[in-house]
N, C-alpha and C. Protein backbone atom coordinates (compact mmCIF):
# COMPACT_ATOMS: atom_id res chain seq x y z
N MET A 1 106.91 132.41 116.10
CA MET A 1 106.70 133.54 115.22
C MET A 1 105.69 134.49 115.86
N ARG A 2 106.01 135.78 115.79
CA ARG A 2 105.11 136.79 116.36
C ARG A 2 103.78 136.78 115.62
N SER A 3 102.74 137.13 116.34
CA SER A 3 101.40 137.11 115.72
C SER A 3 101.28 138.18 114.64
N ASP A 4 101.97 139.33 114.82
CA ASP A 4 101.87 140.37 113.80
C ASP A 4 102.59 139.98 112.51
N VAL A 5 103.57 139.07 112.60
CA VAL A 5 104.23 138.57 111.39
C VAL A 5 103.23 137.75 110.58
N LYS A 6 102.46 136.92 111.27
CA LYS A 6 101.45 136.11 110.59
C LYS A 6 100.40 136.99 109.92
N ILE A 7 99.98 138.03 110.64
CA ILE A 7 99.00 138.96 110.07
C ILE A 7 99.59 139.70 108.87
N ALA A 8 100.86 140.11 109.00
CA ALA A 8 101.53 140.81 107.90
C ALA A 8 101.61 139.92 106.66
N ILE A 9 101.97 138.66 106.86
CA ILE A 9 102.05 137.72 105.74
C ILE A 9 100.67 137.55 105.09
N LYS A 10 99.66 137.44 105.92
CA LYS A 10 98.30 137.29 105.40
C LYS A 10 97.90 138.52 104.57
N LEU A 11 98.20 139.71 105.10
CA LEU A 11 97.86 140.94 104.38
C LEU A 11 98.64 141.05 103.06
N ARG A 12 99.92 140.66 103.10
CA ARG A 12 100.74 140.74 101.89
C ARG A 12 100.22 139.77 100.82
N LYS A 13 99.81 138.60 101.24
CA LYS A 13 99.26 137.63 100.29
C LYS A 13 97.94 138.12 99.70
N GLN A 14 97.26 139.02 100.41
CA GLN A 14 96.03 139.62 99.89
C GLN A 14 96.33 140.74 98.91
N GLY A 15 97.62 141.05 98.72
CA GLY A 15 98.00 142.07 97.75
C GLY A 15 98.17 143.46 98.35
N LYS A 16 98.26 143.56 99.65
CA LYS A 16 98.45 144.85 100.30
C LYS A 16 99.88 145.33 100.12
N SER A 17 100.05 146.65 100.04
CA SER A 17 101.39 147.23 99.90
C SER A 17 102.06 147.32 101.27
N TYR A 18 103.36 147.57 101.24
CA TYR A 18 104.10 147.75 102.49
C TYR A 18 103.50 148.93 103.28
N ASN A 19 103.14 150.00 102.59
CA ASN A 19 102.55 151.16 103.27
C ASN A 19 101.27 150.78 103.99
N GLU A 20 100.41 150.04 103.32
CA GLU A 20 99.14 149.65 103.92
C GLU A 20 99.36 148.75 105.13
N ILE A 21 100.27 147.80 105.01
CA ILE A 21 100.55 146.88 106.12
C ILE A 21 101.20 147.64 107.27
N SER A 22 102.13 148.53 106.94
CA SER A 22 102.83 149.31 107.95
C SER A 22 101.85 150.12 108.80
N VAL A 23 100.90 150.76 108.14
CA VAL A 23 99.90 151.55 108.86
C VAL A 23 98.99 150.65 109.69
N ALA A 24 98.56 149.54 109.10
CA ALA A 24 97.62 148.65 109.78
C ALA A 24 98.23 148.03 111.05
N LEU A 25 99.51 147.67 110.99
CA LEU A 25 100.13 146.97 112.12
C LEU A 25 101.06 147.84 112.95
N ASN A 26 101.24 149.09 112.52
CA ASN A 26 102.16 150.01 113.20
C ASN A 26 103.57 149.40 113.28
N VAL A 27 104.04 148.93 112.12
CA VAL A 27 105.36 148.32 111.99
C VAL A 27 106.08 149.07 110.88
N SER A 28 107.38 149.29 111.04
CA SER A 28 108.12 150.02 110.01
C SER A 28 108.23 149.19 108.73
N LYS A 29 108.41 149.90 107.62
CA LYS A 29 108.54 149.22 106.33
C LYS A 29 109.84 148.42 106.27
N SER A 30 110.86 148.88 106.97
CA SER A 30 112.11 148.12 106.98
C SER A 30 111.93 146.78 107.69
N THR A 31 111.09 146.75 108.72
CA THR A 31 110.79 145.49 109.39
C THR A 31 110.03 144.56 108.45
N LEU A 32 109.08 145.12 107.72
CA LEU A 32 108.34 144.31 106.75
C LEU A 32 109.28 143.77 105.69
N ASN A 33 110.20 144.59 105.24
CA ASN A 33 111.17 144.15 104.25
C ASN A 33 111.98 142.97 104.78
N TYR A 34 112.38 143.04 106.03
CA TYR A 34 113.13 141.95 106.65
C TYR A 34 112.28 140.67 106.71
N TRP A 35 111.02 140.82 107.07
CA TRP A 35 110.15 139.65 107.17
C TRP A 35 109.90 139.00 105.81
N PHE A 36 109.80 139.81 104.76
CA PHE A 36 109.41 139.30 103.45
C PHE A 36 110.57 139.10 102.48
N LYS A 37 111.80 139.40 102.87
CA LYS A 37 112.90 139.47 101.90
C LYS A 37 113.17 138.17 101.15
N ASN A 38 112.92 137.03 101.73
CA ASN A 38 113.19 135.76 101.06
C ASN A 38 111.93 135.06 100.54
N LYS A 39 110.85 135.79 100.50
CA LYS A 39 109.57 135.21 100.07
C LYS A 39 109.37 135.45 98.59
N LYS A 40 109.25 134.39 97.81
CA LYS A 40 109.05 134.50 96.37
C LYS A 40 107.70 135.14 96.05
N TRP A 41 106.67 134.78 96.80
CA TRP A 41 105.35 135.33 96.55
C TRP A 41 105.33 136.83 96.76
N SER A 42 106.15 137.34 97.64
CA SER A 42 106.19 138.77 97.90
C SER A 42 106.71 139.52 96.68
N GLU A 43 107.67 138.95 95.96
CA GLU A 43 108.18 139.58 94.74
C GLU A 43 107.11 139.65 93.65
N LYS A 44 106.31 138.59 93.53
CA LYS A 44 105.23 138.59 92.55
C LYS A 44 104.21 139.69 92.87
N ILE A 45 103.87 139.80 94.13
CA ILE A 45 102.91 140.83 94.56
C ILE A 45 103.50 142.21 94.32
N LYS A 46 104.79 142.35 94.60
CA LYS A 46 105.45 143.64 94.38
C LYS A 46 105.36 144.05 92.91
N LYS A 47 105.60 143.11 92.01
CA LYS A 47 105.51 143.41 90.58
C LYS A 47 104.11 143.85 90.19
N ILE A 48 103.10 143.17 90.74
CA ILE A 48 101.71 143.54 90.46
C ILE A 48 101.41 144.94 90.98
N LEU A 49 101.85 145.25 92.21
CA LEU A 49 101.61 146.57 92.79
C LEU A 49 102.33 147.66 92.00
N VAL A 50 103.55 147.38 91.56
CA VAL A 50 104.30 148.36 90.76
C VAL A 50 103.60 148.62 89.43
N GLU A 51 103.12 147.58 88.80
CA GLU A 51 102.42 147.74 87.52
C GLU A 51 101.14 148.55 87.71
N ASN A 52 100.39 148.27 88.78
CA ASN A 52 99.18 149.04 89.07
C ASN A 52 99.50 150.51 89.32
N ALA A 53 100.57 150.76 90.07
CA ALA A 53 100.98 152.14 90.34
C ALA A 53 101.39 152.85 89.05
N ARG A 54 102.06 152.13 88.17
CA ARG A 54 102.48 152.71 86.89
C ARG A 54 101.25 153.10 86.06
N LYS A 55 100.23 152.28 86.07
CA LYS A 55 99.01 152.60 85.32
C LYS A 55 98.33 153.84 85.90
N ARG A 56 98.24 153.90 87.23
CA ARG A 56 97.62 155.07 87.86
C ARG A 56 98.44 156.32 87.61
N ALA A 57 99.76 156.19 87.63
CA ALA A 57 100.63 157.35 87.42
C ALA A 57 100.45 157.90 86.02
N GLY A 58 100.26 157.02 85.04
CA GLY A 58 100.04 157.48 83.67
C GLY A 58 98.82 158.37 83.56
N GLY A 59 97.76 157.99 84.24
CA GLY A 59 96.54 158.81 84.24
C GLY A 59 96.77 160.15 84.92
N ARG A 60 97.49 160.13 86.03
CA ARG A 60 97.79 161.38 86.74
C ARG A 60 98.68 162.28 85.89
N MET A 61 99.63 161.68 85.18
CA MET A 61 100.53 162.47 84.34
C MET A 61 99.75 163.14 83.20
N ARG A 62 98.82 162.40 82.59
CA ARG A 62 98.00 163.00 81.53
C ARG A 62 97.17 164.16 82.08
N GLU A 63 96.61 163.96 83.27
CA GLU A 63 95.80 165.01 83.89
C GLU A 63 96.65 166.25 84.19
N MET A 64 97.85 166.04 84.73
CA MET A 64 98.74 167.16 85.02
C MET A 64 99.16 167.87 83.73
N SER A 65 99.42 167.10 82.69
CA SER A 65 99.82 167.68 81.41
C SER A 65 98.70 168.54 80.84
N LEU A 66 97.47 168.06 80.93
CA LEU A 66 96.33 168.81 80.43
C LEU A 66 96.16 170.12 81.20
N LYS A 67 96.29 170.06 82.53
CA LYS A 67 96.17 171.27 83.35
C LYS A 67 97.26 172.27 82.99
N ALA A 68 98.48 171.78 82.77
CA ALA A 68 99.58 172.67 82.40
C ALA A 68 99.32 173.30 81.03
N LYS A 69 98.76 172.53 80.11
CA LYS A 69 98.45 173.05 78.77
C LYS A 69 97.41 174.16 78.86
N VAL A 70 96.37 173.94 79.64
CA VAL A 70 95.33 174.96 79.82
C VAL A 70 95.93 176.22 80.43
N LYS A 71 96.80 176.04 81.41
CA LYS A 71 97.45 177.19 82.06
C LYS A 71 98.32 177.96 81.06
N ARG A 72 99.09 177.23 80.23
CA ARG A 72 99.93 177.88 79.22
C ARG A 72 99.10 178.64 78.21
N LEU A 73 97.98 178.05 77.77
CA LEU A 73 97.12 178.73 76.80
C LEU A 73 96.52 180.00 77.39
N LYS A 74 96.11 179.95 78.64
CA LYS A 74 95.58 181.14 79.30
C LYS A 74 96.66 182.21 79.40
N LEU A 75 97.85 181.81 79.76
CA LEU A 75 98.96 182.75 79.84
C LEU A 75 99.24 183.38 78.48
N TYR A 76 99.20 182.58 77.41
CA TYR A 76 99.42 183.07 76.06
C TYR A 76 98.37 184.11 75.68
N VAL A 77 97.12 183.82 75.97
CA VAL A 77 96.03 184.76 75.65
C VAL A 77 96.22 186.05 76.44
N ASP A 78 96.55 185.94 77.71
CA ASP A 78 96.76 187.12 78.54
C ASP A 78 97.94 187.96 78.02
N MET A 79 99.00 187.29 77.59
CA MET A 79 100.17 188.01 77.07
C MET A 79 99.83 188.73 75.77
N ARG A 80 99.04 188.10 74.90
CA ARG A 80 98.64 188.76 73.65
C ARG A 80 97.79 190.00 73.95
N LYS A 81 96.89 189.90 74.92
CA LYS A 81 96.07 191.05 75.30
C LYS A 81 96.95 192.18 75.81
N GLU A 82 97.90 191.84 76.66
CA GLU A 82 98.80 192.85 77.23
C GLU A 82 99.65 193.47 76.13
N ALA A 83 100.14 192.66 75.19
CA ALA A 83 100.94 193.19 74.08
C ALA A 83 100.10 194.14 73.23
N GLY A 84 98.85 193.80 72.97
CA GLY A 84 97.97 194.69 72.21
C GLY A 84 97.74 196.00 72.93
N ARG A 85 97.54 195.93 74.24
CA ARG A 85 97.34 197.15 75.04
C ARG A 85 98.58 198.03 74.98
N LEU A 86 99.76 197.41 75.15
CA LEU A 86 101.01 198.19 75.13
C LEU A 86 101.30 198.75 73.73
N TYR A 87 100.92 198.01 72.70
CA TYR A 87 101.15 198.50 71.34
C TYR A 87 100.36 199.79 71.10
N LYS A 88 99.12 199.82 71.55
CA LYS A 88 98.31 201.02 71.39
C LYS A 88 98.94 202.22 72.09
N ILE A 89 99.60 201.98 73.20
CA ILE A 89 100.25 203.06 73.95
C ILE A 89 101.50 203.55 73.22
N PHE A 90 102.32 202.62 72.72
CA PHE A 90 103.64 202.97 72.19
C PHE A 90 103.71 203.11 70.67
N CYS A 91 102.62 202.84 69.95
CA CYS A 91 102.70 202.86 68.48
C CYS A 91 103.05 204.23 67.92
N LYS A 92 102.80 205.30 68.63
CA LYS A 92 103.12 206.66 68.17
C LYS A 92 104.54 207.09 68.57
N ASP A 93 105.19 206.30 69.40
CA ASP A 93 106.54 206.63 69.87
C ASP A 93 107.56 206.27 68.78
N PRO A 94 108.35 207.24 68.27
CA PRO A 94 109.29 206.96 67.19
C PRO A 94 110.37 205.94 67.57
N LEU A 95 110.81 205.94 68.83
CA LEU A 95 111.83 204.97 69.25
C LEU A 95 111.27 203.53 69.22
N PHE A 96 110.02 203.41 69.58
CA PHE A 96 109.37 202.08 69.56
C PHE A 96 109.28 201.59 68.12
N VAL A 97 108.85 202.45 67.22
CA VAL A 97 108.71 202.09 65.82
C VAL A 97 110.09 201.72 65.24
N GLU A 98 111.13 202.49 65.59
CA GLU A 98 112.49 202.18 65.14
C GLU A 98 112.94 200.81 65.66
N GLY A 99 112.62 200.55 66.90
CA GLY A 99 112.96 199.25 67.49
C GLY A 99 112.30 198.11 66.76
N LEU A 100 111.05 198.31 66.33
CA LEU A 100 110.36 197.27 65.55
C LEU A 100 111.03 197.04 64.21
N MET A 101 111.54 198.13 63.62
CA MET A 101 112.16 198.02 62.29
C MET A 101 113.50 197.30 62.38
N ILE A 102 114.17 197.41 63.49
CA ILE A 102 115.47 196.74 63.63
C ILE A 102 115.23 195.25 63.69
């Protein structure tokens, strides 16, 4: 067995992801998949890593949602200001007033 396979197995048992092992050993993820494909412990670690990623993603999604909400509110305020400015310009125009009545 190659020495890097032993190191890869050791790193995987420590809970490292394929990305982390791939970077550390300069081995492709497909090679790691081949090495670990029949290992039961690797599936358990994979489930743990997926669950951890899901938890982190939830936090990132909330953060992105909050930023989008703030951006929408700012846009809404800006649009109301612009509408008020335009209303002052066009309120004396008879066609504008007729359009509002329709």
